[in-house]
Amino acid sequence: MKFKLQITKNGIPLYAGDYDIVDANSFGQACTDACRKIKERHMSKERSIGALMEHLDDGVLNQLNGAHIILEKA
């Protein structure tokens, strides 16, 4: 089934994407993909390699702490 996966925090959208989710494995893959894309977007905003290395480990976890995952049929 096609679902729209949305991740929000304090009402602010962090990510949205469409996925074919049929079981726990495909749900896990969708969440993994969403986290990877959030991390890539976070990394692309860093201005220097030094800043990137400092924030590499904590960027996505800090963004996702307290976030909500929403699934809607597409």
PDB file of N, CA and C in Angstrom:
ATOM      1  N   MET A   1       0.830  -1.180   0.000  1.00  0.00           N
ATOM      2  CA  MET A   1       0.000   0.000   0.000  1.00  0.00           C
ATOM      3  C   MET A   1       0.876   1.245   0.000  1.00  0.00           C
ATOM      4  N   LYS A   2       0.468   2.247  -0.696  1.00  0.00           N
ATOM      5  CA  LYS A   2       1.203   3.509  -0.727  1.00  0.00           C
ATOM      6  C   LYS A   2       0.819   4.355   0.490  1.00  0.00           C
ATOM      7  N   PHE A   3       1.837   4.841   1.182  1.00  0.00           N
ATOM      8  CA  PHE A   3       1.644   5.706   2.339  1.00  0.00           C
ATOM      9  C   PHE A   3       2.518   6.934   2.214  1.00  0.00           C
ATOM     10  N   LYS A   4       2.053   8.019   2.790  1.00  0.00           N
ATOM     11  CA  LYS A   4       2.862   9.227   2.925  1.00  0.00           C
ATOM     12  C   LYS A   4       3.420   9.201   4.345  1.00  0.00           C
ATOM     13  N   LEU A   5       4.728   9.190   4.467  1.00  0.00           N
ATOM     14  CA  LEU A   5       5.416   9.215   5.754  1.00  0.00           C
ATOM     15  C   LEU A   5       5.817  10.654   6.025  1.00  0.00           C
ATOM     16  N   GLN A   6       5.365  11.175   7.149  1.00  0.00           N
ATOM     17  CA  GLN A   6       5.711  12.543   7.531  1.00  0.00           C
ATOM     18  C   GLN A   6       6.364  12.520   8.904  1.00  0.00           C
ATOM     19  N   ILE A   7       7.376  13.321   9.073  1.00  0.00           N
ATOM     20  CA  ILE A   7       8.028  13.489  10.376  1.00  0.00           C
ATOM     21  C   ILE A   7       7.953  14.966  10.708  1.00  0.00           C
ATOM     22  N   THR A   8       7.348  15.263  11.862  1.00  0.00           N
ATOM     23  CA  THR A   8       7.210  16.648  12.306  1.00  0.00           C
ATOM     24  C   THR A   8       7.720  16.790  13.730  1.00  0.00           C
ATOM     25  N   LYS A   9       8.103  18.002  14.058  1.00  0.00           N
ATOM     26  CA  LYS A   9       8.519  18.312  15.433  1.00  0.00           C
ATOM     27  C   LYS A   9       7.994  19.694  15.773  1.00  0.00           C
ATOM     28  N   ASN A  10       7.221  19.781  16.834  1.00  0.00           N
ATOM     29  CA  ASN A  10       6.597  21.034  17.256  1.00  0.00           C
ATOM     30  C   ASN A  10       5.786  21.659  16.121  1.00  0.00           C
ATOM     31  N   GLY A  11       5.136  20.809  15.336  1.00  0.00           N
ATOM     32  CA  GLY A  11       4.308  21.276  14.238  1.00  0.00           C
ATOM     33  C   GLY A  11       5.065  21.680  12.986  1.00  0.00           C
ATOM     34  N   ILE A  12       6.376  21.565  13.017  1.00  0.00           N
ATOM     35  CA  ILE A  12       7.207  21.934  11.870  1.00  0.00           C
ATOM     36  C   ILE A  12       7.596  20.670  11.116  1.00  0.00           C
ATOM     37  N   PRO A  13       7.296  20.600   9.811  1.00  0.00           N
ATOM     38  CA  PRO A  13       7.661  19.396   9.056  1.00  0.00           C
ATOM     39  C   PRO A  13       9.172  19.270   8.870  1.00  0.00           C
ATOM     40  N   LEU A  14       9.693  18.095   9.210  1.00  0.00           N
ATOM     41  CA  LEU A  14      11.109  17.802   9.000  1.00  0.00           C
ATOM     42  C   LEU A  14      11.317  16.987   7.728  1.00  0.00           C
ATOM     43  N   TYR A  15      10.304  16.175   7.372  1.00  0.00           N
ATOM     44  CA  TYR A  15      10.429  15.309   6.205  1.00  0.00           C
ATOM     45  C   TYR A  15       9.052  14.827   5.780  1.00  0.00           C
ATOM     46  N   ALA A  16       8.890  14.595   4.495  1.00  0.00           N
ATOM     47  CA  ALA A  16       7.697  13.952   3.949  1.00  0.00           C
ATOM     48  C   ALA A  16       8.095  13.194   2.697  1.00  0.00           C
ATOM     49  N   GLY A  17       7.588  11.972   2.570  1.00  0.00           N
ATOM     50  CA  GLY A  17       7.894  11.164   1.395  1.00  0.00           C
ATOM     51  C   GLY A  17       6.867  10.068   1.227  1.00  0.00           C
ATOM     52  N   ASP A  18       6.711   9.572   0.016  1.00  0.00           N
ATOM     53  CA  ASP A  18       5.774   8.502  -0.294  1.00  0.00           C
ATOM     54  C   ASP A  18       6.513   7.173  -0.360  1.00  0.00           C
ATOM     55  N   TYR A  19       5.914   6.145   0.266  1.00  0.00           N
ATOM     56  CA  TYR A  19       6.537   4.825   0.331  1.00  0.00           C
ATOM     57  C   TYR A  19       5.485   3.739   0.162  1.00  0.00           C
ATOM     58  N   ASP A  20       5.933   2.594  -0.346  1.00  0.00           N
ATOM     59  CA  ASP A  20       5.105   1.409  -0.434  1.00  0.00           C
ATOM     60  C   ASP A  20       5.373   0.596   0.832  1.00  0.00           C
ATOM     61  N   ILE A  21       4.441   0.612   1.774  1.00  0.00           N
ATOM     62  CA  ILE A  21       4.616  -0.058   3.056  1.00  0.00           C
ATOM     63  C   ILE A  21       3.599  -1.193   3.156  1.00  0.00           C
ATOM     64  N   VAL A  22       4.122  -2.420   3.320  1.00  0.00           N
ATOM     65  CA  VAL A  22       3.247  -3.589   3.403  1.00  0.00           C
ATOM     66  C   VAL A  22       3.482  -4.416   4.666  1.00  0.00           C
ATOM     67  N   ASP A  23       4.605  -4.185   5.347  1.00  0.00           N
ATOM     68  CA  ASP A  23       4.919  -4.956   6.545  1.00  0.00           C
ATOM     69  C   ASP A  23       5.928  -4.178   7.402  1.00  0.00           C
ATOM     70  N   ALA A  24       6.357  -4.801   8.499  1.00  0.00           N
ATOM     71  CA  ALA A  24       7.292  -4.137   9.414  1.00  0.00           C
ATOM     72  C   ALA A  24       8.625  -3.838   8.730  1.00  0.00           C
ATOM     73  N   ASN A  25       9.071  -4.723   7.854  1.00  0.00           N
ATOM     74  CA  ASN A  25      10.341  -4.523   7.169  1.00  0.00           C
ATOM     75  C   ASN A  25      10.287  -3.305   6.247  1.00  0.00           C
ATOM     76  N   SER A  26       9.232  -3.184   5.469  1.00  0.00           N
ATOM     77  CA  SER A  26       9.135  -2.037   4.556  1.00  0.00           C
ATOM     78  C   SER A  26       8.911  -0.735   5.326  1.00  0.00           C
ATOM     79  N   PHE A  27       8.261  -0.803   6.500  1.00  0.00           N
ATOM     80  CA  PHE A  27       8.121   0.388   7.347  1.00  0.00           C
ATOM     81  C   PHE A  27       9.491   0.811   7.873  1.00  0.00           C
ATOM     82  N   GLY A  28      10.294  -0.165   8.303  1.00  0.00           N
ATOM     83  CA  GLY A  28      11.641   0.126   8.778  1.00  0.00           C
ATOM     84  C   GLY A  28      12.512   0.733   7.688  1.00  0.00           C
ATOM     85  N   GLN A  29      12.384   0.217   6.467  1.00  0.00           N
ATOM     86  CA  GLN A  29      13.154   0.761   5.350  1.00  0.00           C
ATOM     87  C   GLN A  29      12.738   2.197   5.042  1.00  0.00           C
ATOM     88  N   ALA A  30      11.440   2.481   5.146  1.00  0.00           N
ATOM     89  CA  ALA A  30      10.957   3.846   4.909  1.00  0.00           C
ATOM     90  C   ALA A  30      11.518   4.799   5.958  1.00  0.00           C
ATOM     91  N   CYS A  31      11.516   4.372   7.220  1.00  0.00           N
ATOM     92  CA  CYS A  31      12.047   5.219   8.297  1.00  0.00           C
ATOM     93  C   CYS A  31      13.551   5.422   8.132  1.00  0.00           C
ATOM     94  N   THR A  32      14.260   4.373   7.732  1.00  0.00           N
ATOM     95  CA  THR A  32      15.700   4.485   7.492  1.00  0.00           C
ATOM     96  C   THR A  32      15.993   5.475   6.375  1.00  0.00           C
ATOM     97  N   ASP A  33      15.222   5.394   5.301  1.00  0.00           N
ATOM     98  CA  ASP A  33      15.396   6.312   4.187  1.00  0.00           C
ATOM     99  C   ASP A  33      15.125   7.750   4.617  1.00  0.00           C
ATOM    100  N   ALA A  34      14.074   7.938   5.404  1.00  0.00           N
ATOM    101  CA  ALA A  34      13.737   9.285   5.887  1.00  0.00           C
ATOM    102  C   ALA A  34      14.869   9.849   6.748  1.00  0.00           C
ATOM    103  N   CYS A  35      15.405   9.045   7.650  1.00  0.00           N
ATOM    104  CA  CYS A  35      16.512   9.503   8.503  1.00  0.00           C
ATOM    105  C   CYS A  35      17.742   9.839   7.675  1.00  0.00           C
ATOM    106  N   ARG A  36      18.021   9.020   6.662  1.00  0.00           N
ATOM    107  CA  ARG A  36      19.175   9.283   5.792  1.00  0.00           C
ATOM    108  C   ARG A  36      19.011  10.606   5.060  1.00  0.00           C
ATOM    109  N   LYS A  37      17.815  10.869   4.566  1.00  0.00           N
ATOM    110  CA  LYS A  37      17.577  12.114   3.837  1.00  0.00           C
ATOM    111  C   LYS A  37      17.634  13.332   4.755  1.00  0.00           C
ATOM    112  N   ILE A  38      17.160  13.190   5.990  1.00  0.00           N
ATOM    113  CA  ILE A  38      17.263  14.284   6.961  1.00  0.00           C
ATOM    114  C   ILE A  38      18.736  14.562   7.252  1.00  0.00           C
ATOM    115  N   LYS A  39      19.530  13.508   7.420  1.00  0.00           N
ATOM    116  CA  LYS A  39      20.961  13.662   7.696  1.00  0.00           C
ATOM    117  C   LYS A  39      21.676  14.315   6.518  1.00  0.00           C
ATOM    118  N   GLU A  40      21.363  13.885   5.292  1.00  0.00           N
ATOM    119  CA  GLU A  40      21.983  14.481   4.114  1.00  0.00           C
ATOM    120  C   GLU A  40      21.666  15.968   4.006  1.00  0.00           C
ATOM    121  N   ARG A  41      20.412  16.319   4.287  1.00  0.00           N
ATOM    122  CA  ARG A  41      20.023  17.730   4.227  1.00  0.00           C
ATOM    123  C   ARG A  41      20.765  18.524   5.297  1.00  0.00           C
ATOM    124  N   HIS A  42      20.890  17.954   6.498  1.00  0.00           N
ATOM    125  CA  HIS A  42      21.612  18.606   7.593  1.00  0.00           C
ATOM    126  C   HIS A  42      23.081  18.807   7.219  1.00  0.00           C
ATOM    127  N   MET A  43      23.694  17.781   6.628  1.00  0.00           N
ATOM    128  CA  MET A  43      25.105  17.862   6.258  1.00  0.00           C
ATOM    129  C   MET A  43      25.335  18.879   5.152  1.00  0.00           C
ATOM    130  N   SER A  44      24.389  19.007   4.246  1.00  0.00           N
ATOM    131  CA  SER A  44      24.580  19.936   3.128  1.00  0.00           C
ATOM    132  C   SER A  44      24.521  21.395   3.563  1.00  0.00           C
ATOM    133  N   LYS A  45      23.999  21.662   4.761  1.00  0.00           N
ATOM    134  CA  LYS A  45      23.905  23.038   5.258  1.00  0.00           C
ATOM    135  C   LYS A  45      25.179  23.514   5.954  1.00  0.00           C
ATOM    136  N   GLU A  46      26.079  22.591   6.288  1.00  0.00           N
ATOM    137  CA  GLU A  46      27.320  22.978   6.973  1.00  0.00           C
ATOM    138  C   GLU A  46      28.217  23.740   6.017  1.00  0.00           C
ATOM    139  N   ARG A  47      28.861  24.777   6.520  1.00  0.00           N
ATOM    140  CA  ARG A  47      29.676  25.664   5.705  1.00  0.00           C
ATOM    141  C   ARG A  47      31.115  25.203   5.537  1.00  0.00           C
ATOM    142  N   SER A  48      31.608  24.378   6.468  1.00  0.00           N
ATOM    143  CA  SER A  48      32.999  23.940   6.367  1.00  0.00           C
ATOM    144  C   SER A  48      33.107  22.490   6.818  1.00  0.00           C
ATOM    145  N   ILE A  49      34.209  21.842   6.462  1.00  0.00           N
ATOM    146  CA  ILE A  49      34.420  20.452   6.845  1.00  0.00           C
ATOM    147  C   ILE A  49      34.572  20.331   8.360  1.00  0.00           C
ATOM    148  N   GLY A  50      35.165  21.335   8.999  1.00  0.00           N
ATOM    149  CA  GLY A  50      35.306  21.310  10.454  1.00  0.00           C
ATOM    150  C   GLY A  50      33.957  21.344  11.149  1.00  0.00           C
ATOM    151  N   ALA A  51      33.069  22.206  10.693  1.00  0.00           N
ATOM    152  CA  ALA A  51      31.723  22.278  11.265  1.00  0.00           C
ATOM    153  C   ALA A  51      30.968  20.986  11.009  1.00  0.00           C
ATOM    154  N   LEU A  52      31.152  20.423   9.842  1.00  0.00           N
ATOM    155  CA  LEU A  52      30.500  19.162   9.521  1.00  0.00           C
ATOM    156  C   LEU A  52      30.952  18.059  10.465  1.00  0.00           C
ATOM    157  N   MET A  53      32.242  17.956  10.713  1.00  0.00           N
ATOM    158  CA  MET A  53      32.771  16.914  11.594  1.00  0.00           C
ATOM    159  C   MET A  53      32.288  17.100  13.032  1.00  0.00           C
ATOM    160  N   GLU A  54      32.139  18.338  13.479  1.00  0.00           N
ATOM    161  CA  GLU A  54      31.660  18.593  14.836  1.00  0.00           C
ATOM    162  C   GLU A  54      30.213  18.174  15.022  1.00  0.00           C
ATOM    163  N   HIS A  55      29.394  18.340  14.003  1.00  0.00           N
ATOM    164  CA  HIS A  55      27.962  18.099  14.128  1.00  0.00           C
ATOM    165  C   HIS A  55      27.496  16.813  13.469  1.00  0.00           C
ATOM    166  N   LEU A  56      28.407  16.010  12.971  1.00  0.00           N
ATOM    167  CA  LEU A  56      28.053  14.819  12.219  1.00  0.00           C
ATOM    168  C   LEU A  56      27.220  13.838  13.037  1.00  0.00           C
ATOM    169  N   ASP A  57      27.593  13.609  14.280  1.00  0.00           N
ATOM    170  CA  ASP A  57      26.913  12.596  15.085  1.00  0.00           C
ATOM    171  C   ASP A  57      25.615  13.073  15.722  1.00  0.00           C
ATOM    172  N   ASP A  58      25.494  14.337  16.037  1.00  0.00           N
ATOM    173  CA  ASP A  58      24.340  14.768  16.825  1.00  0.00           C
ATOM    174  C   ASP A  58      23.232  15.437  16.029  1.00  0.00           C
ATOM    175  N   GLY A  59      23.441  15.743  14.775  1.00  0.00           N
ATOM    176  CA  GLY A  59      22.466  16.502  14.003  1.00  0.00           C
ATOM    177  C   GLY A  59      21.107  15.845  13.879  1.00  0.00           C
ATOM    178  N   VAL A  60      21.050  14.623  13.401  1.00  0.00           N
ATOM    179  CA  VAL A  60      19.775  13.953  13.166  1.00  0.00           C
ATOM    180  C   VAL A  60      19.114  13.562  14.478  1.00  0.00           C
ATOM    181  N   LEU A  61      19.886  13.072  15.431  1.00  0.00           N
ATOM    182  CA  LEU A  61      19.295  12.673  16.705  1.00  0.00           C
ATOM    183  C   LEU A  61      18.656  13.849  17.421  1.00  0.00           C
ATOM    184  N   ASN A  62      19.307  14.993  17.401  1.00  0.00           N
ATOM    185  CA  ASN A  62      18.727  16.178  18.020  1.00  0.00           C
ATOM    186  C   ASN A  62      17.459  16.609  17.294  1.00  0.00           C
ATOM    187  N   GLN A  63      17.458  16.521  15.981  1.00  0.00           N
ATOM    188  CA  GLN A  63      16.273  16.896  15.217  1.00  0.00           C
ATOM    189  C   GLN A  63      15.113  15.943  15.484  1.00  0.00           C
ATOM    190  N   LEU A  64      15.383  14.657  15.629  1.00  0.00           N
ATOM    191  CA  LEU A  64      14.323  13.670  15.796  1.00  0.00           C
ATOM    192  C   LEU A  64      13.856  13.503  17.238  1.00  0.00           C
ATOM    193  N   ASN A  65      14.610  14.004  18.205  1.00  0.00           N
ATOM    194  CA  ASN A  65      14.207  13.888  19.608  1.00  0.00           C
ATOM    195  C   ASN A  65      12.883  14.633  19.825  1.00  0.00           C
ATOM    196  N   GLY A  66      11.836  13.899  20.159  1.00  0.00           N
ATOM    197  CA  GLY A  66      10.520  14.494  20.380  1.00  0.00           C
ATOM    198  C   GLY A  66       9.685  14.653  19.117  1.00  0.00           C
ATOM    199  N   ALA A  67      10.168  14.126  17.997  1.00  0.00           N
ATOM    200  CA  ALA A  67       9.445  14.239  16.725  1.00  0.00           C
ATOM    201  C   ALA A  67       8.285  13.247  16.672  1.00  0.00           C
ATOM    202  N   HIS A  68       7.350  13.514  15.760  1.00  0.00           N
ATOM    203  CA  HIS A  68       6.196  12.636  15.548  1.00  0.00           C
ATOM    204  C   HIS A  68       6.256  12.057  14.142  1.00  0.00           C
ATOM    205  N   ILE A  69       5.960  10.752  14.055  1.00  0.00           N
ATOM    206  CA  ILE A  69       5.874  10.091  12.756  1.00  0.00           C
ATOM    207  C   ILE A  69       4.402   9.923  12.418  1.00  0.00           C
ATOM    208  N   ILE A  70       4.031  10.358  11.229  1.00  0.00           N
ATOM    209  CA  ILE A  70       2.640  10.311  10.788  1.00  0.00           C
ATOM    210  C   ILE A  70       2.575   9.507   9.493  1.00  0.00           C
ATOM    211  N   LEU A  71       1.670   8.527   9.427  1.00  0.00           N
ATOM    212  CA  LEU A  71       1.432   7.759   8.207  1.00  0.00           C
ATOM    213  C   LEU A  71       0.034   8.049   7.715  1.00  0.00           C
ATOM    214  N   GLU A  72      -0.092   8.354   6.435  1.00  0.00           N
ATOM    215  CA  GLU A  72      -1.391   8.559   5.806  1.00  0.00           C
ATOM    216  C   GLU A  72      -1.426   7.797   4.502  1.00  0.00           C
ATOM    217  N   LYS A  73      -2.545   7.178   4.188  1.00  0.00           N
ATOM    218  CA  LYS A  73      -2.683   6.513   2.895  1.00  0.00           C
ATOM    219  C   LYS A  73      -2.552   7.531   1.784  1.00  0.00           C
ATOM    220  N   ALA A  74      -1.761   7.175   0.780  1.00  0.00           N
ATOM    221  CA  ALA A  74      -1.551   8.091  -0.345  1.00  0.00           C
ATOM    222  C   ALA A  74      -2.614   7.871  -1.412  1.00  0.00           C
TER     223      ALA A  74
END
